[in-house]
Amino acid sequence: MKRIFLFTIIVLLISITTAFLILKQQANYFTFIILPDTQKYTMYDPQIFINQTAWIVKNRNNLNIQFVSQLGDIVQSGALENNEWETASKAMSLLEKADIPYGIIPGNHDVDTVDDTSAGFTKYNENFFISRFNTKPWFGGNYQEFQNNYQLISISGINFIIVNLEVDAADDVLEWAGDVLTKYKDRKAIVTMHAYLNDTGERFQTPHFRTKGNSGEQIWQKLIKKECNVILVLSGHAHSGDGENRLTSTNDCGKPVEQIVQNYQDRKNGGNGLLRIYKFYPHKKELYVKTYSPFTNKYEQDQDSEFTLNLPF
């Protein structure tokens, strides 16, 4: 009996020590997950998309995952294929069930008629409707239904605002976003949009398809450059090369703004499940970025896929 009791105590102590070490490690960092262009998964292989969000839920604690951003082009076929939207809604609902905060935005494939300059976002708003989010404690607000939205979260004493903009955001959208960023000027701001940076590391000079929309360069000049709390801009869409690049620019306050593009839709299986892991280390003032696929359980480790950035915390 004494041996059994002693063994039980040892096992308990090991468990407590392990839990303490994990909590201590997590106190040093937190993680955001980025899901770029899921369009090929919803069209051809839904299980890859569902696998991505299931992996996020499974690894929430050991990676200290605090937020998820989906960067648009959720589906491939606009409003034509209900099953694509059903897949997207199912995949993202796994995050909701686990109470993981997330932001989502429509890309050019998420309008009712793909690349139609006057097309609306009816199907997007039917699936990602305001009441799906506005009771969440992290919900901040929205504009033009849920086409543009923001979230407010606080982690390790750092207050964040994440502002998410529809593809080719027009001037009224940028005005709304500017008001929001100014209102929360004391928060560290991350802005996401679908098309902003190309994968040669330059901001798009023209809108993708909206005649009254703004390009990446225009959004930089009209919004990002002026709002000095923006530290990070994330986008997808670009895939003329390998779908990865980054750019550092100086805003009007003389501070660096990191701008990063990630999109894997031209890879095998429409991306092979690749997503981005953004691991923040506030005490080091560093951001570690890794590219990983839960589908293949492999990391991509070239210099565009795994890197470290300095950030103001």
C-alpha atoms as a PDB file:
ATOM      1  CA  MET A   1       0.000   0.000   0.000  1.00  0.00           C
ATOM      2  CA  LYS A   2       2.844   2.373   0.857  1.00  0.00           C
ATOM      3  CA  ARG A   3       4.430   1.805  -2.558  1.00  0.00           C
ATOM      4  CA  ILE A   4       1.137   2.509  -4.325  1.00  0.00           C
ATOM      5  CA  PHE A   5       0.627   5.642  -2.256  1.00  0.00           C
ATOM      6  CA  LEU A   6       4.175   6.822  -2.943  1.00  0.00           C
ATOM      7  CA  PHE A   7       3.782   6.140  -6.675  1.00  0.00           C
ATOM      8  CA  THR A   8       0.509   8.093  -6.722  1.00  0.00           C
ATOM      9  CA  ILE A   9       2.159  11.050  -4.990  1.00  0.00           C
ATOM     10  CA  ILE A  10       5.057  11.013  -7.464  1.00  0.00           C
ATOM     11  CA  VAL A  11       2.692  10.938 -10.451  1.00  0.00           C
ATOM     12  CA  LEU A  12       0.673  13.797  -8.955  1.00  0.00           C
ATOM     13  CA  LEU A  13       3.796  15.892  -8.367  1.00  0.00           C
ATOM     14  CA  ILE A  14       5.002  15.291 -11.919  1.00  0.00           C
ATOM     15  CA  SER A  15       1.591  16.332 -13.273  1.00  0.00           C
ATOM     16  CA  ILE A  16       1.543  19.501 -11.160  1.00  0.00           C
ATOM     17  CA  THR A  17       5.114  20.386 -12.158  1.00  0.00           C
ATOM     18  CA  THR A  18       4.363  19.828 -15.852  1.00  0.00           C
ATOM     19  CA  ALA A  19       1.239  21.967 -15.662  1.00  0.00           C
ATOM     20  CA  PHE A  20       3.181  24.710 -13.868  1.00  0.00           C
ATOM     21  CA  LEU A  21       5.942  24.692 -16.493  1.00  0.00           C
ATOM     22  CA  ILE A  22       3.389  24.888 -19.326  1.00  0.00           C
ATOM     23  CA  LEU A  23       1.608  27.823 -17.660  1.00  0.00           C
ATOM     24  CA  LYS A  24       4.932  29.559 -17.018  1.00  0.00           C
ATOM     25  CA  GLN A  25       5.944  29.110 -20.657  1.00  0.00           C
ATOM     26  CA  GLN A  26       2.563  30.350 -21.912  1.00  0.00           C
ATOM     27  CA  ALA A  27       2.873  33.456 -19.756  1.00  0.00           C
ATOM     28  CA  ASN A  28       5.838  34.379 -21.955  1.00  0.00           C
ATOM     29  CA  TYR A  29       3.962  34.220 -25.260  1.00  0.00           C
ATOM     30  CA  PHE A  30       0.585  34.080 -26.951  1.00  0.00           C
ATOM     31  CA  THR A  31      -0.410  33.041 -30.445  1.00  0.00           C
ATOM     32  CA  PHE A  32      -2.590  34.303 -33.288  1.00  0.00           C
ATOM     33  CA  ILE A  33      -3.454  31.932 -36.133  1.00  0.00           C
ATOM     34  CA  ILE A  34      -3.956  33.210 -39.691  1.00  0.00           C
ATOM     35  CA  LEU A  35      -6.109  31.315 -42.208  1.00  0.00           C
ATOM     36  CA  PRO A  36      -5.505  32.668 -45.728  1.00  0.00           C
ATOM     37  CA  ASP A  37      -7.665  31.941 -48.797  1.00  0.00           C
ATOM     38  CA  THR A  38      -9.622  28.790 -48.008  1.00  0.00           C
ATOM     39  CA  GLN A  39     -11.510  28.874 -51.325  1.00  0.00           C
ATOM     40  CA  LYS A  40     -10.070  25.691 -52.830  1.00  0.00           C
ATOM     41  CA  TYR A  41     -10.801  23.711 -49.683  1.00  0.00           C
ATOM     42  CA  THR A  42     -14.475  24.672 -49.650  1.00  0.00           C
ATOM     43  CA  MET A  43     -14.758  23.768 -53.328  1.00  0.00           C
ATOM     44  CA  TYR A  44     -12.684  20.592 -53.570  1.00  0.00           C
ATOM     45  CA  ASP A  45     -11.632  19.273 -50.164  1.00  0.00           C
ATOM     46  CA  PRO A  46     -13.727  20.560 -47.229  1.00  0.00           C
ATOM     47  CA  GLN A  47     -12.011  18.307 -44.730  1.00  0.00           C
ATOM     48  CA  ILE A  48      -8.756  20.275 -45.040  1.00  0.00           C
ATOM     49  CA  PHE A  49     -10.506  23.464 -43.880  1.00  0.00           C
ATOM     50  CA  ILE A  50     -12.278  21.644 -41.061  1.00  0.00           C
ATOM     51  CA  ASN A  51      -8.979  20.026 -40.114  1.00  0.00           C
ATOM     52  CA  GLN A  52      -7.387  23.472 -39.791  1.00  0.00           C
ATOM     53  CA  THR A  53      -9.927  24.812 -37.302  1.00  0.00           C
ATOM     54  CA  ALA A  54     -10.123  21.488 -35.442  1.00  0.00           C
ATOM     55  CA  TRP A  55      -6.335  21.657 -35.022  1.00  0.00           C
ATOM     56  CA  ILE A  56      -6.638  25.204 -33.655  1.00  0.00           C
ATOM     57  CA  VAL A  57      -9.156  24.050 -31.058  1.00  0.00           C
ATOM     58  CA  LYS A  58      -7.031  21.042 -30.116  1.00  0.00           C
ATOM     59  CA  ASN A  59      -3.886  23.159 -29.713  1.00  0.00           C
ATOM     60  CA  ARG A  60      -5.484  26.169 -28.090  1.00  0.00           C
ATOM     61  CA  ASN A  61      -3.941  25.594 -24.672  1.00  0.00           C
ATOM     62  CA  ASN A  62      -0.472  24.344 -25.537  1.00  0.00           C
ATOM     63  CA  LEU A  63       0.062  27.191 -28.054  1.00  0.00           C
ATOM     64  CA  ASN A  64      -1.876  29.744 -25.978  1.00  0.00           C
ATOM     65  CA  ILE A  65      -3.973  30.639 -29.048  1.00  0.00           C
ATOM     66  CA  GLN A  66      -5.839  33.889 -28.406  1.00  0.00           C
ATOM     67  CA  PHE A  67      -7.172  34.904 -31.819  1.00  0.00           C
ATOM     68  CA  VAL A  68      -7.779  33.643 -35.364  1.00  0.00           C
ATOM     69  CA  SER A  69      -8.020  35.715 -38.574  1.00  0.00           C
ATOM     70  CA  GLN A  70      -9.478  34.448 -41.841  1.00  0.00           C
ATOM     71  CA  LEU A  71      -8.279  36.682 -44.690  1.00  0.00           C
ATOM     72  CA  GLY A  72     -11.044  36.386 -47.275  1.00  0.00           C
ATOM     73  CA  ASP A  73     -11.746  34.288 -50.359  1.00  0.00           C
ATOM     74  CA  ILE A  74     -13.532  32.018 -47.983  1.00  0.00           C
ATOM     75  CA  VAL A  75     -15.204  30.250 -50.905  1.00  0.00           C
ATOM     76  CA  GLN A  76     -14.488  29.898 -54.608  1.00  0.00           C
ATOM     77  CA  SER A  77     -17.824  30.310 -56.397  1.00  0.00           C
ATOM     78  CA  GLY A  78     -19.456  33.393 -54.932  1.00  0.00           C
ATOM     79  CA  ALA A  79     -23.129  32.769 -54.189  1.00  0.00           C
ATOM     80  CA  LEU A  80     -23.452  29.874 -56.666  1.00  0.00           C
ATOM     81  CA  GLU A  81     -22.604  26.919 -54.416  1.00  0.00           C
ATOM     82  CA  ASN A  82     -24.358  26.645 -51.061  1.00  0.00           C
ATOM     83  CA  ASN A  83     -22.221  23.678 -50.066  1.00  0.00           C
ATOM     84  CA  GLU A  84     -19.087  25.845 -50.104  1.00  0.00           C
ATOM     85  CA  TRP A  85     -20.649  28.252 -47.625  1.00  0.00           C
ATOM     86  CA  GLU A  86     -21.904  25.368 -45.503  1.00  0.00           C
ATOM     87  CA  THR A  87     -18.347  24.032 -45.287  1.00  0.00           C
ATOM     88  CA  ALA A  88     -16.977  27.458 -44.325  1.00  0.00           C
ATOM     89  CA  SER A  89     -19.643  28.001 -41.682  1.00  0.00           C
ATOM     90  CA  LYS A  90     -19.073  24.529 -40.237  1.00  0.00           C
ATOM     91  CA  ALA A  91     -15.310  24.986 -40.093  1.00  0.00           C
ATOM     92  CA  MET A  92     -15.471  28.379 -38.379  1.00  0.00           C
ATOM     93  CA  SER A  93     -18.205  27.231 -35.989  1.00  0.00           C
ATOM     94  CA  LEU A  94     -15.649  24.932 -34.350  1.00  0.00           C
ATOM     95  CA  LEU A  95     -13.885  28.070 -33.128  1.00  0.00           C
ATOM     96  CA  GLU A  96     -17.148  29.489 -31.805  1.00  0.00           C
ATOM     97  CA  LYS A  97     -17.960  26.312 -29.904  1.00  0.00           C
ATOM     98  CA  ALA A  98     -14.541  26.518 -28.260  1.00  0.00           C
ATOM     99  CA  ASP A  99     -15.056  30.256 -27.598  1.00  0.00           C
ATOM    100  CA  ILE A 100     -11.978  31.262 -29.578  1.00  0.00           C
ATOM    101  CA  PRO A 101     -12.239  34.872 -30.819  1.00  0.00           C
ATOM    102  CA  TYR A 102     -11.897  35.359 -34.561  1.00  0.00           C
ATOM    103  CA  GLY A 103     -12.289  37.847 -37.385  1.00  0.00           C
ATOM    104  CA  ILE A 104     -13.407  37.132 -40.934  1.00  0.00           C
ATOM    105  CA  ILE A 105     -13.791  39.223 -44.091  1.00  0.00           C
ATOM    106  CA  PRO A 106     -15.048  38.770 -47.663  1.00  0.00           C
ATOM    107  CA  GLY A 107     -12.614  38.586 -50.582  1.00  0.00           C
ATOM    108  CA  ASN A 108     -13.297  38.956 -54.298  1.00  0.00           C
ATOM    109  CA  HIS A 109     -14.570  35.354 -54.517  1.00  0.00           C
ATOM    110  CA  ASP A 110     -17.032  35.981 -51.678  1.00  0.00           C
ATOM    111  CA  VAL A 111     -19.173  38.511 -53.538  1.00  0.00           C
ATOM    112  CA  ASP A 112     -22.410  37.127 -55.006  1.00  0.00           C
ATOM    113  CA  THR A 113     -20.993  37.184 -58.546  1.00  0.00           C
ATOM    114  CA  VAL A 114     -17.222  36.757 -58.570  1.00  0.00           C
ATOM    115  CA  ASP A 115     -15.322  39.898 -59.622  1.00  0.00           C
ATOM    116  CA  ASP A 116     -18.532  41.712 -60.647  1.00  0.00           C
ATOM    117  CA  THR A 117     -17.770  45.372 -59.877  1.00  0.00           C
ATOM    118  CA  SER A 118     -21.276  45.967 -58.525  1.00  0.00           C
ATOM    119  CA  ALA A 119     -21.855  42.605 -56.809  1.00  0.00           C
ATOM    120  CA  GLY A 120     -23.018  42.523 -53.215  1.00  0.00           C
ATOM    121  CA  PHE A 121     -22.222  40.267 -50.273  1.00  0.00           C
ATOM    122  CA  THR A 122     -25.644  38.691 -49.704  1.00  0.00           C
ATOM    123  CA  LYS A 123     -24.461  35.098 -49.293  1.00  0.00           C
ATOM    124  CA  TYR A 124     -21.548  36.124 -47.083  1.00  0.00           C
ATOM    125  CA  ASN A 125     -23.862  38.067 -44.784  1.00  0.00           C
ATOM    126  CA  GLU A 126     -26.369  35.213 -44.691  1.00  0.00           C
ATOM    127  CA  ASN A 127     -23.674  32.961 -43.272  1.00  0.00           C
ATOM    128  CA  PHE A 128     -21.593  35.381 -41.221  1.00  0.00           C
ATOM    129  CA  PHE A 129     -24.365  37.544 -39.836  1.00  0.00           C
ATOM    130  CA  ILE A 130     -24.042  40.148 -37.096  1.00  0.00           C
ATOM    131  CA  SER A 131     -26.006  38.260 -34.451  1.00  0.00           C
ATOM    132  CA  ARG A 132     -23.557  35.383 -34.819  1.00  0.00           C
ATOM    133  CA  PHE A 133     -20.956  37.639 -33.204  1.00  0.00           C
ATOM    134  CA  ASN A 134     -22.434  40.621 -31.396  1.00  0.00           C
ATOM    135  CA  THR A 135     -23.060  38.807 -28.120  1.00  0.00           C
ATOM    136  CA  LYS A 136     -19.416  37.744 -27.853  1.00  0.00           C
ATOM    137  CA  PRO A 137     -17.393  39.614 -25.212  1.00  0.00           C
ATOM    138  CA  TRP A 138     -14.656  40.242 -27.774  1.00  0.00           C
ATOM    139  CA  PHE A 139     -16.973  41.729 -30.407  1.00  0.00           C
ATOM    140  CA  GLY A 140     -16.180  45.392 -31.051  1.00  0.00           C
ATOM    141  CA  GLY A 141     -18.393  46.548 -33.894  1.00  0.00           C
ATOM    142  CA  ASN A 142     -19.202  46.327 -37.572  1.00  0.00           C
ATOM    143  CA  TYR A 143     -19.964  48.338 -40.685  1.00  0.00           C
ATOM    144  CA  GLN A 144     -22.164  47.356 -43.638  1.00  0.00           C
ATOM    145  CA  GLU A 145     -23.368  44.219 -41.882  1.00  0.00           C
ATOM    146  CA  PHE A 146     -20.361  41.991 -41.112  1.00  0.00           C
ATOM    147  CA  GLN A 147     -18.391  42.937 -44.229  1.00  0.00           C
ATOM    148  CA  ASN A 148     -16.187  45.098 -42.025  1.00  0.00           C
ATOM    149  CA  ASN A 149     -15.731  44.341 -38.342  1.00  0.00           C
ATOM    150  CA  TYR A 150     -13.408  44.652 -35.392  1.00  0.00           C
ATOM    151  CA  GLN A 151     -12.588  42.797 -32.199  1.00  0.00           C
ATOM    152  CA  LEU A 152     -11.213  43.940 -28.839  1.00  0.00           C
ATOM    153  CA  ILE A 153      -9.040  41.580 -26.833  1.00  0.00           C
ATOM    154  CA  SER A 154      -6.563  41.938 -23.993  1.00  0.00           C
ATOM    155  CA  ILE A 155      -3.683  39.514 -23.460  1.00  0.00           C
ATOM    156  CA  SER A 156      -0.830  39.629 -20.953  1.00  0.00           C
ATOM    157  CA  GLY A 157      -1.570  43.263 -20.165  1.00  0.00           C
ATOM    158  CA  ILE A 158      -1.613  44.277 -23.848  1.00  0.00           C
ATOM    159  CA  ASN A 159      -4.824  45.692 -25.301  1.00  0.00           C
ATOM    160  CA  PHE A 160      -5.450  44.893 -28.961  1.00  0.00           C
ATOM    161  CA  ILE A 161      -7.911  45.985 -31.605  1.00  0.00           C
ATOM    162  CA  ILE A 162      -8.163  43.885 -34.755  1.00  0.00           C
ATOM    163  CA  VAL A 163      -9.862  45.701 -37.645  1.00  0.00           C
ATOM    164  CA  ASN A 164     -10.946  43.611 -40.643  1.00  0.00           C
ATOM    165  CA  LEU A 165     -11.826  45.263 -43.974  1.00  0.00           C
ATOM    166  CA  GLU A 166     -13.707  43.963 -47.009  1.00  0.00           C
ATOM    167  CA  VAL A 167     -11.879  43.576 -50.332  1.00  0.00           C
ATOM    168  CA  ASP A 168     -11.118  46.862 -52.160  1.00  0.00           C
ATOM    169  CA  ALA A 169     -12.523  48.875 -49.258  1.00  0.00           C
ATOM    170  CA  ALA A 170     -14.138  52.124 -50.441  1.00  0.00           C
ATOM    171  CA  ASP A 171     -13.578  55.553 -48.895  1.00  0.00           C
ATOM    172  CA  ASP A 172     -16.556  55.300 -46.522  1.00  0.00           C
ATOM    173  CA  VAL A 173     -15.166  52.027 -45.150  1.00  0.00           C
ATOM    174  CA  LEU A 174     -11.762  53.629 -44.599  1.00  0.00           C
ATOM    175  CA  GLU A 175     -13.419  56.571 -42.866  1.00  0.00           C
ATOM    176  CA  TRP A 176     -15.237  54.169 -40.541  1.00  0.00           C
ATOM    177  CA  ALA A 177     -12.016  52.256 -39.870  1.00  0.00           C
ATOM    178  CA  GLY A 178     -10.134  55.482 -39.181  1.00  0.00           C
ATOM    179  CA  ASP A 179     -12.752  56.559 -36.640  1.00  0.00           C
ATOM    180  CA  VAL A 180     -12.522  53.175 -34.914  1.00  0.00           C
ATOM    181  CA  LEU A 181      -8.715  53.194 -34.814  1.00  0.00           C
ATOM    182  CA  THR A 182      -8.692  56.753 -33.478  1.00  0.00           C
ATOM    183  CA  LYS A 183     -11.257  55.882 -30.812  1.00  0.00           C
ATOM    184  CA  TYR A 184      -9.050  53.027 -29.648  1.00  0.00           C
ATOM    185  CA  LYS A 185      -5.736  54.766 -30.254  1.00  0.00           C
ATOM    186  CA  ASP A 186      -4.301  53.398 -26.991  1.00  0.00           C
ATOM    187  CA  ARG A 187      -4.658  49.809 -28.237  1.00  0.00           C
ATOM    188  CA  LYS A 188      -2.148  48.001 -30.424  1.00  0.00           C
ATOM    189  CA  ALA A 189      -3.889  47.668 -33.787  1.00  0.00           C
ATOM    190  CA  ILE A 190      -3.764  44.885 -36.349  1.00  0.00           C
ATOM    191  CA  VAL A 191      -5.536  45.449 -39.678  1.00  0.00           C
ATOM    192  CA  THR A 192      -6.516  42.604 -41.988  1.00  0.00           C
ATOM    193  CA  MET A 193      -7.832  42.759 -45.543  1.00  0.00           C
ATOM    194  CA  HIS A 194      -7.950  40.410 -48.488  1.00  0.00           C
ATOM    195  CA  ALA A 195      -5.859  42.198 -51.144  1.00  0.00           C
ATOM    196  CA  TYR A 196      -3.178  44.620 -49.969  1.00  0.00           C
ATOM    197  CA  LEU A 197       0.385  43.366 -50.495  1.00  0.00           C
ATOM    198  CA  ASN A 198       1.492  41.336 -53.516  1.00  0.00           C
ATOM    199  CA  ASP A 199       3.909  38.463 -53.139  1.00  0.00           C
ATOM    200  CA  THR A 200       6.806  40.455 -54.559  1.00  0.00           C
ATOM    201  CA  GLY A 201       6.561  42.612 -51.429  1.00  0.00           C
ATOM    202  CA  GLU A 202       4.841  45.689 -52.870  1.00  0.00           C
ATOM    203  CA  ARG A 203       1.448  47.178 -52.123  1.00  0.00           C
ATOM    204  CA  PHE A 204      -1.086  46.783 -54.927  1.00  0.00           C
ATOM    205  CA  GLN A 205      -1.281  49.998 -56.949  1.00  0.00           C
ATOM    206  CA  THR A 206      -4.824  49.468 -58.253  1.00  0.00           C
ATOM    207  CA  PRO A 207      -7.938  47.907 -56.705  1.00  0.00           C
ATOM    208  CA  HIS A 208      -8.535  44.311 -57.685  1.00  0.00           C
ATOM    209  CA  PHE A 209     -11.988  44.800 -59.190  1.00  0.00           C
ATOM    210  CA  ARG A 210     -14.024  47.525 -57.467  1.00  0.00           C
ATOM    211  CA  THR A 211     -14.126  50.705 -59.566  1.00  0.00           C
ATOM    212  CA  LYS A 212     -14.746  52.826 -56.468  1.00  0.00           C
ATOM    213  CA  GLY A 213     -12.539  50.750 -54.202  1.00  0.00           C
ATOM    214  CA  ASN A 214      -9.062  51.441 -52.887  1.00  0.00           C
ATOM    215  CA  SER A 215      -5.834  49.629 -53.658  1.00  0.00           C
ATOM    216  CA  GLY A 216      -3.301  48.545 -51.075  1.00  0.00           C
ATOM    217  CA  GLU A 217      -1.248  51.666 -51.737  1.00  0.00           C
ATOM    218  CA  GLN A 218      -4.305  53.904 -51.364  1.00  0.00           C
ATOM    219  CA  ILE A 219      -5.280  52.187 -48.111  1.00  0.00           C
ATOM    220  CA  TRP A 220      -1.760  52.740 -46.825  1.00  0.00           C
ATOM    221  CA  GLN A 221      -1.867  56.439 -47.694  1.00  0.00           C
ATOM    222  CA  LYS A 222      -5.455  57.099 -46.576  1.00  0.00           C
ATOM    223  CA  LEU A 223      -5.616  54.939 -43.442  1.00  0.00           C
ATOM    224  CA  ILE A 224      -2.702  52.826 -42.230  1.00  0.00           C
ATOM    225  CA  LYS A 225       0.037  55.460 -42.468  1.00  0.00           C
ATOM    226  CA  LYS A 226      -2.035  57.991 -40.498  1.00  0.00           C
ATOM    227  CA  GLU A 227      -3.161  55.708 -37.666  1.00  0.00           C
ATOM    228  CA  CYS A 228      -0.066  55.398 -35.524  1.00  0.00           C
ATOM    229  CA  ASN A 229      -1.309  52.528 -33.358  1.00  0.00           C
ATOM    230  CA  VAL A 230      -1.275  50.108 -36.319  1.00  0.00           C
ATOM    231  CA  ILE A 231       1.634  47.713 -35.892  1.00  0.00           C
ATOM    232  CA  LEU A 232       0.701  44.936 -38.303  1.00  0.00           C
ATOM    233  CA  VAL A 233      -1.202  44.570 -41.603  1.00  0.00           C
ATOM    234  CA  LEU A 234      -2.104  41.072 -42.821  1.00  0.00           C
ATOM    235  CA  SER A 235      -3.449  40.065 -46.223  1.00  0.00           C
ATOM    236  CA  GLY A 236      -3.898  37.126 -48.590  1.00  0.00           C
ATOM    237  CA  HIS A 237      -5.036  37.034 -52.239  1.00  0.00           C
ATOM    238  CA  ALA A 238      -1.632  37.279 -53.974  1.00  0.00           C
ATOM    239  CA  HIS A 239      -0.368  34.083 -55.573  1.00  0.00           C
ATOM    240  CA  SER A 240       1.633  35.033 -58.662  1.00  0.00           C
ATOM    241  CA  GLY A 241       4.742  33.592 -57.000  1.00  0.00           C
ATOM    242  CA  ASP A 242       4.886  31.523 -53.832  1.00  0.00           C
ATOM    243  CA  GLY A 243       2.201  33.584 -52.078  1.00  0.00           C
ATOM    244  CA  GLU A 244       4.496  34.905 -49.348  1.00  0.00           C
ATOM    245  CA  ASN A 245       6.310  38.172 -48.695  1.00  0.00           C
ATOM    246  CA  ARG A 246       6.536  41.097 -46.290  1.00  0.00           C
ATOM    247  CA  LEU A 247       7.243  44.810 -46.219  1.00  0.00           C
ATOM    248  CA  THR A 248       8.217  47.226 -43.444  1.00  0.00           C
ATOM    249  CA  SER A 249       7.126  50.860 -43.879  1.00  0.00           C
ATOM    250  CA  THR A 250       7.332  53.913 -41.633  1.00  0.00           C
ATOM    251  CA  ASN A 251       4.109  55.653 -40.601  1.00  0.00           C
ATOM    252  CA  ASP A 252       3.504  59.346 -39.957  1.00  0.00           C
ATOM    253  CA  CYS A 253       4.733  58.968 -36.379  1.00  0.00           C
ATOM    254  CA  GLY A 254       8.039  57.511 -37.514  1.00  0.00           C
ATOM    255  CA  LYS A 255       7.131  54.003 -36.328  1.00  0.00           C
ATOM    256  CA  PRO A 256       7.555  50.791 -38.341  1.00  0.00           C
ATOM    257  CA  VAL A 257       4.502  48.976 -39.661  1.00  0.00           C
ATOM    258  CA  GLU A 258       4.954  45.333 -40.629  1.00  0.00           C
ATOM    259  CA  GLN A 259       2.887  44.248 -43.655  1.00  0.00           C
ATOM    260  CA  ILE A 260       2.700  40.550 -44.482  1.00  0.00           C
ATOM    261  CA  VAL A 261       1.038  38.554 -47.266  1.00  0.00           C
ATOM    262  CA  GLN A 262       0.314  34.819 -47.110  1.00  0.00           C
ATOM    263  CA  ASN A 263      -1.704  32.738 -49.584  1.00  0.00           C
ATOM    264  CA  TYR A 264      -1.210  29.079 -50.512  1.00  0.00           C
ATOM    265  CA  GLN A 265      -4.093  28.412 -52.912  1.00  0.00           C
ATOM    266  CA  ASP A 266      -1.779  27.448 -55.802  1.00  0.00           C
ATOM    267  CA  ARG A 267      -0.074  24.755 -53.774  1.00  0.00           C
ATOM    268  CA  LYS A 268      -1.020  21.082 -53.874  1.00  0.00           C
ATOM    269  CA  ASN A 269      -4.615  20.423 -52.737  1.00  0.00           C
ATOM    270  CA  GLY A 270      -5.367  24.155 -52.830  1.00  0.00           C
ATOM    271  CA  GLY A 271      -2.848  24.947 -50.110  1.00  0.00           C
ATOM    272  CA  ASN A 272      -2.273  21.597 -48.412  1.00  0.00           C
ATOM    273  CA  GLY A 273      -3.677  23.021 -45.191  1.00  0.00           C
ATOM    274  CA  LEU A 274      -0.914  25.596 -44.708  1.00  0.00           C
ATOM    275  CA  LEU A 275      -1.661  28.285 -42.148  1.00  0.00           C
ATOM    276  CA  ARG A 276       0.367  30.882 -40.289  1.00  0.00           C
ATOM    277  CA  ILE A 277       1.339  30.754 -36.625  1.00  0.00           C
ATOM    278  CA  TYR A 278       2.057  34.220 -35.196  1.00  0.00           C
ATOM    279  CA  LYS A 279       3.662  33.797 -31.785  1.00  0.00           C
ATOM    280  CA  PHE A 280       4.045  37.025 -29.797  1.00  0.00           C
ATOM    281  CA  TYR A 281       6.773  37.349 -27.135  1.00  0.00           C
ATOM    282  CA  PRO A 282       6.025  40.694 -25.411  1.00  0.00           C
ATOM    283  CA  HIS A 283       8.993  40.501 -23.004  1.00  0.00           C
ATOM    284  CA  LYS A 284      11.315  40.191 -26.015  1.00  0.00           C
ATOM    285  CA  LYS A 285       9.304  42.624 -28.152  1.00  0.00           C
ATOM    286  CA  GLU A 286       9.424  39.986 -30.873  1.00  0.00           C
ATOM    287  CA  LEU A 287       6.997  38.181 -33.142  1.00  0.00           C
ATOM    288  CA  TYR A 288       7.898  34.700 -34.372  1.00  0.00           C
ATOM    289  CA  VAL A 289       6.139  33.660 -37.569  1.00  0.00           C
ATOM    290  CA  LYS A 290       5.907  30.048 -38.705  1.00  0.00           C
ATOM    291  CA  THR A 291       4.099  28.341 -41.573  1.00  0.00           C
ATOM    292  CA  TYR A 292       2.578  24.978 -40.757  1.00  0.00           C
ATOM    293  CA  SER A 293       0.073  22.473 -42.139  1.00  0.00           C
ATOM    294  CA  PRO A 294      -2.048  20.401 -39.739  1.00  0.00           C
ATOM    295  CA  PHE A 295      -3.015  18.350 -42.819  1.00  0.00           C
ATOM    296  CA  THR A 296       0.549  17.173 -43.540  1.00  0.00           C
ATOM    297  CA  ASN A 297       1.986  17.892 -40.060  1.00  0.00           C
ATOM    298  CA  LYS A 298       4.903  19.701 -41.699  1.00  0.00           C
ATOM    299  CA  TYR A 299       6.461  23.151 -41.393  1.00  0.00           C
ATOM    300  CA  GLU A 300       7.618  25.238 -44.341  1.00  0.00           C
ATOM    301  CA  GLN A 301      10.939  26.712 -43.300  1.00  0.00           C
ATOM    302  CA  ASP A 302      12.336  28.950 -46.049  1.00  0.00           C
ATOM    303  CA  GLN A 303      13.041  32.599 -45.225  1.00  0.00           C
ATOM    304  CA  ASP A 304       9.600  33.783 -46.417  1.00  0.00           C
ATOM    305  CA  SER A 305       7.849  31.140 -44.332  1.00  0.00           C
ATOM    306  CA  GLU A 306       9.671  31.326 -41.000  1.00  0.00           C
ATOM    307  CA  PHE A 307      11.032  34.593 -39.621  1.00  0.00           C
ATOM    308  CA  THR A 308      11.211  36.901 -36.611  1.00  0.00           C
ATOM    309  CA  LEU A 309      10.055  40.519 -36.438  1.00  0.00           C
ATOM    310  CA  ASN A 310      10.591  43.259 -33.872  1.00  0.00           C
ATOM    311  CA  LEU A 311       7.365  44.786 -32.587  1.00  0.00           C
ATOM    312  CA  PRO A 312       6.620  47.662 -30.161  1.00  0.00           C
ATOM    313  CA  PHE A 313       5.198  46.273 -26.922  1.00  0.00           C
END
